[in-house]
Amino acid sequence: MSTIGFIGLGIMGSPMAAHLAKAGHQVIGYNRSPERTAALVQAGGSAADSIAAAVAEAEVVAVMVPDSPDVRAVLAGESGVFDSARADTLIIDFSSIRPDVTIELAAQAVGSGMRLIDAPVSGGETGAINATLSIMVGGAADDVAAARPILDVIGKTVVHVGPNGSGQTVKAANQLIVAGNIALLAEAIVFLEAHGVDTAAAIRVLAGGLAGSAVLDQKAHKMLDRSFEPGFRIDLHHKDLGIVTSAARQAGIVVPIGASVAQLMASARANGDGSSDHSALFRTLAGLRFPTVITGERQCHACGPSTRQSRYSK
C-alpha cells in the first residue's frame, strides 16, 4: 500500500481517489473547493488544505485537473509538487493535456529528482465510479510498472502506449473518436425524430448492430430525454478538440471531420452549454435549419408551398 497525495477531486478525481482509499492506500486529497474532499474522507482518506500538505509525505502524487495550465501550476508552481514532494516521488498525471506540455513537465520532474508518467483516462463519470476506466499510459517502463498497482485499482483496461506524451496523444485520438460519435448520434436522432420514428425503439435496434457503441449506450438516452447533467462537460471536450487540431497542425496532417466537430463543440459552448454534458451537442445540431438562398418571389420548397423567403432566410 502507498501513501498517495491526490490533487483534483472533481467529477472524475473524487471517485478515483475514493477507490484508492477503499483499496487500502493512504490517500491525502486536495481540491481548490474544500467541500469536494468529503467523499474521499468518507471513503477513509483525509483532506489537506494545500498542495504542499497533500504531497509532503507521499510516495505517489496523482493529479486530475482540467487543462495544461492547471497541471503546470500544480506541479511547477510556487509550493507545488516539484517544490514540496520528496525525492523519487512518482507522479501520475491523470489529466488530459497537450502532449508537448507533458514531455516538458516530465523533464522538469527528472530535474527535481522525481518521475512522471502521463495516464489520461477514458470512460467518463460512469467509468470513474465503477472503476472501469481505460487508461492510456506514457512514460518509462519501470515507472509504469511501479504505478501499475494503483492504475489497476481504478482502471479495467490499462495499456502502456509509449514514452512520455504518448498517453496524451492516444487520449487526444480517443476524444476525436468520441466527439465524432456524439455528433453523428445527435444527427441520427434529429433525423429519426424528423420522420416521426419511435426513437427509443430505433436506438435499441441500432445498438444491436454495427452502429452500436459505448457512446450510443451512454449518451442516446440523454439526448432522447433532453437531460444533460454533466458527466463530461462540453468545456472539457472543447479543450480536448483544441489539443487535437493543434497537434494535427504540428504533425502536418489534416483532420477534416475532427475540425468540423471542433467547430460544432465551440458553437455549443458559445450557446451556453459549456457546463452541460457533451451529449448536449445535440441541442446545437437540433437547432440547425436547412439554409435557403432565394431571390425575388421564388418559394422556399423546404418551408412549404405558400412560404416566401428573403435572400438569406433560414
Protein backbone atom coordinates (compact mmCIF):
# COMPACT_ATOMS: atom_id res chain seq x y z
CA MET A 1 0.00 0.00 0.00
CA SER A 2 1.20 3.51 -0.84
CA THR A 3 0.78 6.98 0.57
CA ILE A 4 -0.84 8.97 -2.23
CA GLY A 5 -1.31 12.70 -2.50
CA PHE A 6 -4.30 13.19 -4.80
CA ILE A 7 -4.72 16.65 -6.34
CA GLY A 8 -8.07 17.41 -8.02
CA LEU A 9 -11.26 15.86 -6.66
CA GLY A 10 -13.81 16.79 -9.32
CA ILE A 11 -16.32 14.63 -11.17
CA MET A 12 -13.61 12.13 -12.13
CA GLY A 13 -10.98 12.59 -9.42
CA SER A 14 -13.29 12.16 -6.46
CA PRO A 15 -14.43 8.58 -7.19
CA MET A 16 -10.92 7.63 -8.34
CA ALA A 17 -9.39 8.80 -5.06
CA ALA A 18 -12.16 7.08 -3.08
CA HIS A 19 -11.45 3.76 -4.80
CA LEU A 20 -7.77 4.04 -3.87
CA ALA A 21 -8.65 4.75 -0.22
CA LYS A 22 -11.07 1.81 -0.10
CA ALA A 23 -8.33 -0.42 -1.56
CA GLY A 24 -6.19 0.35 1.49
CA HIS A 25 -3.93 3.12 0.24
CA GLN A 26 -3.42 6.14 2.47
CA VAL A 27 -4.87 8.93 0.31
CA ILE A 28 -4.48 12.59 1.20
CA GLY A 29 -6.62 14.77 -1.07
CA TYR A 30 -6.56 18.42 -2.01
CA ASN A 31 -9.06 20.40 -4.04
CA ARG A 32 -9.46 24.12 -4.56
CA SER A 33 -13.08 23.76 -3.42
CA PRO A 34 -12.61 22.13 0.02
CA GLU A 35 -16.10 20.63 0.09
CA ARG A 36 -15.05 18.28 -2.71
CA THR A 37 -12.87 16.34 -0.24
CA ALA A 38 -15.91 15.00 1.66
CA ALA A 39 -16.36 11.83 -0.42
CA LEU A 40 -12.68 10.91 -0.02
CA VAL A 41 -12.83 11.41 3.75
CA GLN A 42 -15.96 9.26 3.91
CA ALA A 43 -14.09 6.52 1.99
CA GLY A 44 -11.29 6.53 4.56
CA GLY A 45 -8.93 9.14 3.12
CA SER A 46 -8.01 12.51 4.56
CA ALA A 47 -8.09 16.12 3.40
CA ALA A 48 -5.26 18.64 3.12
CA ASP A 49 -5.53 22.41 2.95
CA SER A 50 -2.77 22.85 0.34
CA ILE A 51 -0.91 21.02 -2.37
CA ALA A 52 2.24 21.10 -0.26
CA ALA A 53 0.47 19.45 2.69
CA ALA A 54 -1.08 16.78 0.46
CA VAL A 55 2.21 15.68 -1.11
CA ALA A 56 4.79 16.25 1.66
CA GLU A 57 4.85 12.60 2.81
CA ALA A 58 3.53 10.98 -0.37
CA GLU A 59 5.30 8.24 -2.26
CA VAL A 60 2.95 8.80 -5.20
CA VAL A 61 1.25 12.00 -6.34
CA ALA A 62 -1.86 11.71 -8.53
CA VAL A 63 -3.10 14.73 -10.47
CA MET A 64 -6.55 15.07 -12.05
CA VAL A 65 -7.18 18.68 -13.09
CA PRO A 66 -8.80 20.20 -16.21
CA ASP A 67 -6.12 21.61 -18.51
CA SER A 68 -2.44 22.13 -19.31
CA PRO A 69 -2.07 25.40 -17.33
CA ASP A 70 -3.66 23.73 -14.29
CA VAL A 71 -1.22 20.81 -14.39
CA ARG A 72 1.70 23.19 -14.85
CA ALA A 73 0.56 25.23 -11.82
CA VAL A 74 0.05 22.13 -9.65
CA LEU A 75 3.45 20.65 -10.49
CA ALA A 76 5.74 23.59 -11.23
CA GLY A 77 4.02 26.47 -9.45
CA GLU A 78 5.15 28.01 -6.19
CA SER A 79 4.72 25.48 -3.35
CA GLY A 80 3.66 22.95 -5.95
CA VAL A 81 4.64 19.31 -6.25
CA PHE A 82 8.17 19.92 -7.53
CA ASP A 83 8.81 22.25 -4.58
CA SER A 84 7.11 20.17 -1.92
CA ALA A 85 7.26 16.43 -2.64
CA ARG A 86 10.06 14.08 -1.63
CA ALA A 87 12.82 12.97 -3.99
CA ASP A 88 11.96 9.93 -6.10
CA THR A 89 8.21 10.62 -5.82
CA LEU A 90 6.26 9.03 -8.65
CA ILE A 91 3.81 11.47 -10.26
CA ILE A 92 0.82 10.06 -12.13
CA ASP A 93 -0.93 12.70 -14.21
CA PHE A 94 -4.44 11.51 -15.00
CA SER A 95 -5.34 14.86 -16.61
CA SER A 96 -5.90 15.27 -20.35
CA ILE A 97 -3.44 17.88 -21.58
CA ARG A 98 -1.18 18.75 -24.50
CA PRO A 99 1.44 16.07 -25.23
CA ASP A 100 4.22 18.66 -25.54
CA VAL A 101 3.41 20.03 -22.09
CA THR A 102 3.59 16.52 -20.63
CA ILE A 103 7.03 15.99 -22.21
CA GLU A 104 8.23 19.32 -20.80
CA LEU A 105 6.91 18.57 -17.29
CA ALA A 106 8.37 15.05 -17.32
CA ALA A 107 11.80 16.58 -17.96
CA GLN A 108 11.26 19.06 -15.11
CA ALA A 109 10.28 16.18 -12.84
CA VAL A 110 13.57 14.44 -13.56
CA GLY A 111 15.38 17.68 -12.80
CA SER A 112 13.62 17.73 -9.42
CA GLY A 113 14.61 14.14 -8.69
CA MET A 114 11.13 12.81 -9.40
CA ARG A 115 9.44 10.62 -12.00
CA LEU A 116 6.33 11.38 -14.06
CA ILE A 117 4.00 9.31 -16.20
CA ASP A 118 1.01 10.57 -18.17
CA ALA A 119 -2.05 8.39 -17.64
CA PRO A 120 -5.15 10.10 -19.08
CA VAL A 121 -8.36 8.15 -18.72
CA SER A 122 -11.48 7.44 -20.75
CA GLY A 123 -14.85 6.24 -19.54
CA GLY A 124 -16.37 9.36 -18.08
CA GLU A 125 -18.01 9.67 -14.68
CA THR A 126 -19.57 6.22 -15.01
CA GLY A 127 -16.18 4.63 -15.60
CA ALA A 128 -14.67 6.50 -12.66
CA ILE A 129 -17.49 5.46 -10.32
CA ASN A 130 -17.36 1.82 -11.45
CA ALA A 131 -13.53 1.66 -11.59
CA THR A 132 -13.73 0.55 -15.23
CA LEU A 133 -11.70 3.33 -16.82
CA SER A 134 -9.50 2.83 -19.85
CA ILE A 135 -6.07 4.24 -19.04
CA MET A 136 -3.52 5.06 -21.75
CA VAL A 137 -0.10 5.37 -20.14
CA GLY A 138 3.01 7.17 -21.36
CA GLY A 139 6.37 7.00 -19.61
CA ALA A 140 9.40 4.85 -18.80
CA ALA A 141 8.62 1.15 -18.47
CA ASP A 142 9.92 0.94 -14.89
CA ASP A 143 7.81 3.89 -13.79
CA VAL A 144 4.70 2.45 -15.43
CA ALA A 145 5.34 -0.87 -13.70
CA ALA A 146 5.66 0.93 -10.36
CA ALA A 147 2.34 2.70 -10.95
CA ARG A 148 0.52 -0.44 -12.07
CA PRO A 149 -0.89 -1.45 -8.64
CA ILE A 150 -2.54 1.98 -8.43
CA LEU A 151 -3.74 2.07 -12.03
CA ASP A 152 -5.30 -1.38 -11.70
CA VAL A 153 -7.50 -0.20 -8.82
CA ILE A 154 -9.27 2.42 -10.91
CA GLY A 155 -9.00 1.05 -14.46
CA LYS A 156 -10.22 -2.01 -16.32
CA THR A 157 -8.04 -1.50 -19.41
CA VAL A 158 -4.53 -0.25 -18.63
CA VAL A 159 -2.09 -0.09 -21.55
CA HIS A 160 1.45 1.30 -21.77
CA VAL A 161 1.44 3.07 -25.14
CA GLY A 162 4.94 4.55 -25.26
CA PRO A 163 7.22 7.22 -23.76
CA ASN A 164 6.07 10.43 -22.04
CA GLY A 165 3.44 12.24 -24.09
CA SER A 166 2.20 9.07 -25.79
CA GLY A 167 -0.66 8.67 -23.32
CA GLN A 168 -1.82 12.21 -24.07
CA THR A 169 -1.59 11.61 -27.82
CA VAL A 170 -3.72 8.47 -27.57
CA LYS A 171 -6.21 10.34 -25.35
CA ALA A 172 -6.49 13.08 -27.99
CA ALA A 173 -7.33 10.39 -30.56
CA ASN A 174 -9.91 8.99 -28.14
CA GLN A 175 -11.56 12.37 -27.78
CA LEU A 176 -11.62 12.79 -31.56
CA ILE A 177 -13.47 9.48 -31.97
CA VAL A 178 -15.89 10.19 -29.11
CA ALA A 179 -16.75 13.67 -30.39
CA GLY A 180 -17.41 12.34 -33.89
CA ASN A 181 -19.63 9.62 -32.47
CA ILE A 182 -21.60 12.08 -30.36
CA ALA A 183 -22.13 14.40 -33.32
CA LEU A 184 -23.33 11.59 -35.59
CA LEU A 185 -25.57 10.12 -32.88
CA ALA A 186 -27.15 13.55 -32.41
CA GLU A 187 -27.69 13.90 -36.16
CA ALA A 188 -29.24 10.42 -36.31
CA ILE A 189 -31.73 11.25 -33.54
CA VAL A 190 -32.64 14.55 -35.21
CA PHE A 191 -33.16 12.58 -38.44
CA LEU A 192 -35.31 9.91 -36.75
CA GLU A 193 -37.46 12.47 -34.93
CA ALA A 194 -37.99 14.46 -38.14
CA HIS A 195 -39.52 11.33 -39.70
CA GLY A 196 -41.71 10.51 -36.72
CA VAL A 197 -39.95 7.25 -35.90
CA ASP A 198 -40.21 5.67 -32.44
CA THR A 199 -36.76 6.83 -31.40
CA ALA A 200 -36.45 4.64 -28.30
CA ALA A 201 -37.16 1.55 -30.42
CA ALA A 202 -34.80 2.77 -33.12
CA ILE A 203 -31.97 3.22 -30.61
CA ARG A 204 -32.49 -0.32 -29.29
CA VAL A 205 -32.10 -1.89 -32.71
CA LEU A 206 -29.21 0.38 -33.71
CA ALA A 207 -27.37 -0.58 -30.52
CA GLY A 208 -27.53 -4.24 -31.56
CA GLY A 209 -25.87 -3.70 -34.94
CA LEU A 210 -22.69 -2.22 -36.34
CA ALA A 211 -23.86 1.26 -35.29
CA GLY A 212 -23.72 0.19 -31.66
CA SER A 213 -21.09 1.85 -29.46
CA ALA A 214 -20.33 2.89 -25.91
CA VAL A 215 -21.30 6.42 -26.94
CA LEU A 216 -24.71 5.25 -28.12
CA ASP A 217 -25.23 3.19 -24.95
CA GLN A 218 -24.32 6.04 -22.60
CA LYS A 219 -25.47 9.16 -24.45
CA ALA A 220 -28.55 8.32 -26.54
CA HIS A 221 -30.91 8.38 -23.56
CA LYS A 222 -29.59 11.80 -22.55
CA MET A 223 -30.46 13.15 -25.99
CA LEU A 224 -33.87 11.46 -26.07
CA ASP A 225 -34.72 12.78 -22.58
CA ARG A 226 -33.11 16.20 -23.21
CA SER A 227 -31.28 15.63 -19.92
CA PHE A 228 -27.71 16.91 -19.99
CA GLU A 229 -26.39 16.79 -16.43
CA PRO A 230 -22.61 16.75 -16.80
CA GLY A 231 -20.69 13.50 -16.85
CA PHE A 232 -18.08 15.07 -19.12
CA ARG A 233 -18.57 18.75 -19.83
CA ILE A 234 -18.60 20.41 -23.23
CA ASP A 235 -16.00 22.88 -21.88
CA LEU A 236 -13.57 19.99 -21.44
CA HIS A 237 -14.31 18.37 -24.78
CA HIS A 238 -13.86 21.75 -26.45
CA LYS A 239 -10.43 21.91 -24.82
CA ASP A 240 -9.57 18.38 -25.94
CA LEU A 241 -10.53 19.06 -29.54
CA GLY A 242 -8.31 22.12 -29.44
CA ILE A 243 -5.47 19.77 -28.48
CA VAL A 244 -6.35 17.52 -31.43
CA THR A 245 -6.44 20.30 -34.03
CA SER A 246 -3.26 21.92 -32.70
CA ALA A 247 -1.35 18.62 -32.63
CA ALA A 248 -2.60 17.80 -36.13
CA ARG A 249 -1.20 21.09 -37.44
CA GLN A 250 2.12 20.40 -35.73
CA ALA A 251 2.28 16.98 -37.39
CA GLY A 252 1.30 18.38 -40.79
CA ILE A 253 -1.82 16.24 -41.10
CA VAL A 254 -5.45 17.08 -41.81
CA VAL A 255 -8.42 16.04 -39.63
CA PRO A 256 -11.39 17.48 -41.56
CA ILE A 257 -14.13 15.70 -39.61
CA GLY A 258 -12.41 16.49 -36.34
CA ALA A 259 -12.12 20.15 -37.32
CA SER A 260 -15.84 20.29 -38.14
CA VAL A 261 -16.82 18.69 -34.85
CA ALA A 262 -14.47 21.06 -33.03
CA GLN A 263 -16.37 23.99 -34.54
CA LEU A 264 -19.71 22.46 -33.52
CA MET A 265 -18.43 21.93 -29.97
CA ALA A 266 -17.22 25.53 -29.87
CA SER A 267 -20.67 26.65 -31.05
CA ALA A 268 -22.37 24.63 -28.31
CA ARG A 269 -20.08 26.25 -25.76
CA ALA A 270 -20.79 29.73 -27.16
CA ASN A 271 -24.51 28.97 -26.92
CA GLY A 272 -24.22 28.48 -23.16
CA ASP A 273 -23.84 24.70 -22.95
CA GLY A 274 -20.23 24.67 -21.73
CA SER A 275 -21.12 23.26 -18.31
CA SER A 276 -23.52 20.67 -19.76
CA ASP A 277 -22.65 17.11 -20.68
CA HIS A 278 -21.03 16.78 -24.10
CA SER A 279 -24.18 15.00 -25.28
CA ALA A 280 -25.74 18.49 -25.21
CA LEU A 281 -24.09 18.91 -28.61
CA PHE A 282 -27.48 17.52 -29.65
CA ARG A 283 -29.07 20.89 -28.87
CA THR A 284 -26.74 22.68 -31.26
CA LEU A 285 -27.32 20.18 -34.06
CA ALA A 286 -31.08 20.05 -33.46
CA GLY A 287 -31.18 23.83 -33.74
CA LEU A 288 -29.66 23.90 -37.21
CA ARG A 289 -32.01 24.51 -40.13
CA PHE A 290 -31.60 23.98 -43.86
CA PRO A 291 -30.38 27.31 -45.28
CA THR A 292 -32.27 28.68 -48.28
CA VAL A 293 -30.94 31.33 -50.67
CA ILE A 294 -33.79 32.78 -52.71
CA THR A 295 -34.23 35.77 -55.00
CA GLY A 296 -37.38 37.63 -55.81
CA GLU A 297 -40.69 35.78 -55.49
CA ARG A 298 -39.35 32.20 -55.62
CA GLN A 299 -40.78 29.91 -53.00
CA CYS A 300 -38.77 28.04 -50.37
CA HIS A 301 -39.55 24.41 -51.18
CA ALA A 302 -38.17 23.26 -47.82
CA CYS A 303 -40.63 25.52 -46.00
CA GLY A 304 -43.88 24.57 -47.77
CA PRO A 305 -45.72 25.68 -50.89
CA SER A 306 -47.03 29.01 -49.62
CA THR A 307 -43.98 30.39 -47.83
CA ARG A 308 -41.86 33.16 -49.32
CA GLN A 309 -38.38 33.81 -48.01
CA SER A 310 -35.88 36.65 -48.23
CA ARG A 311 -32.44 36.06 -49.72
CA TYR A 312 -30.70 34.90 -46.52
CA SER A 313 -33.59 33.45 -44.53
CA LYS A 314 -33.36 30.15 -42.72
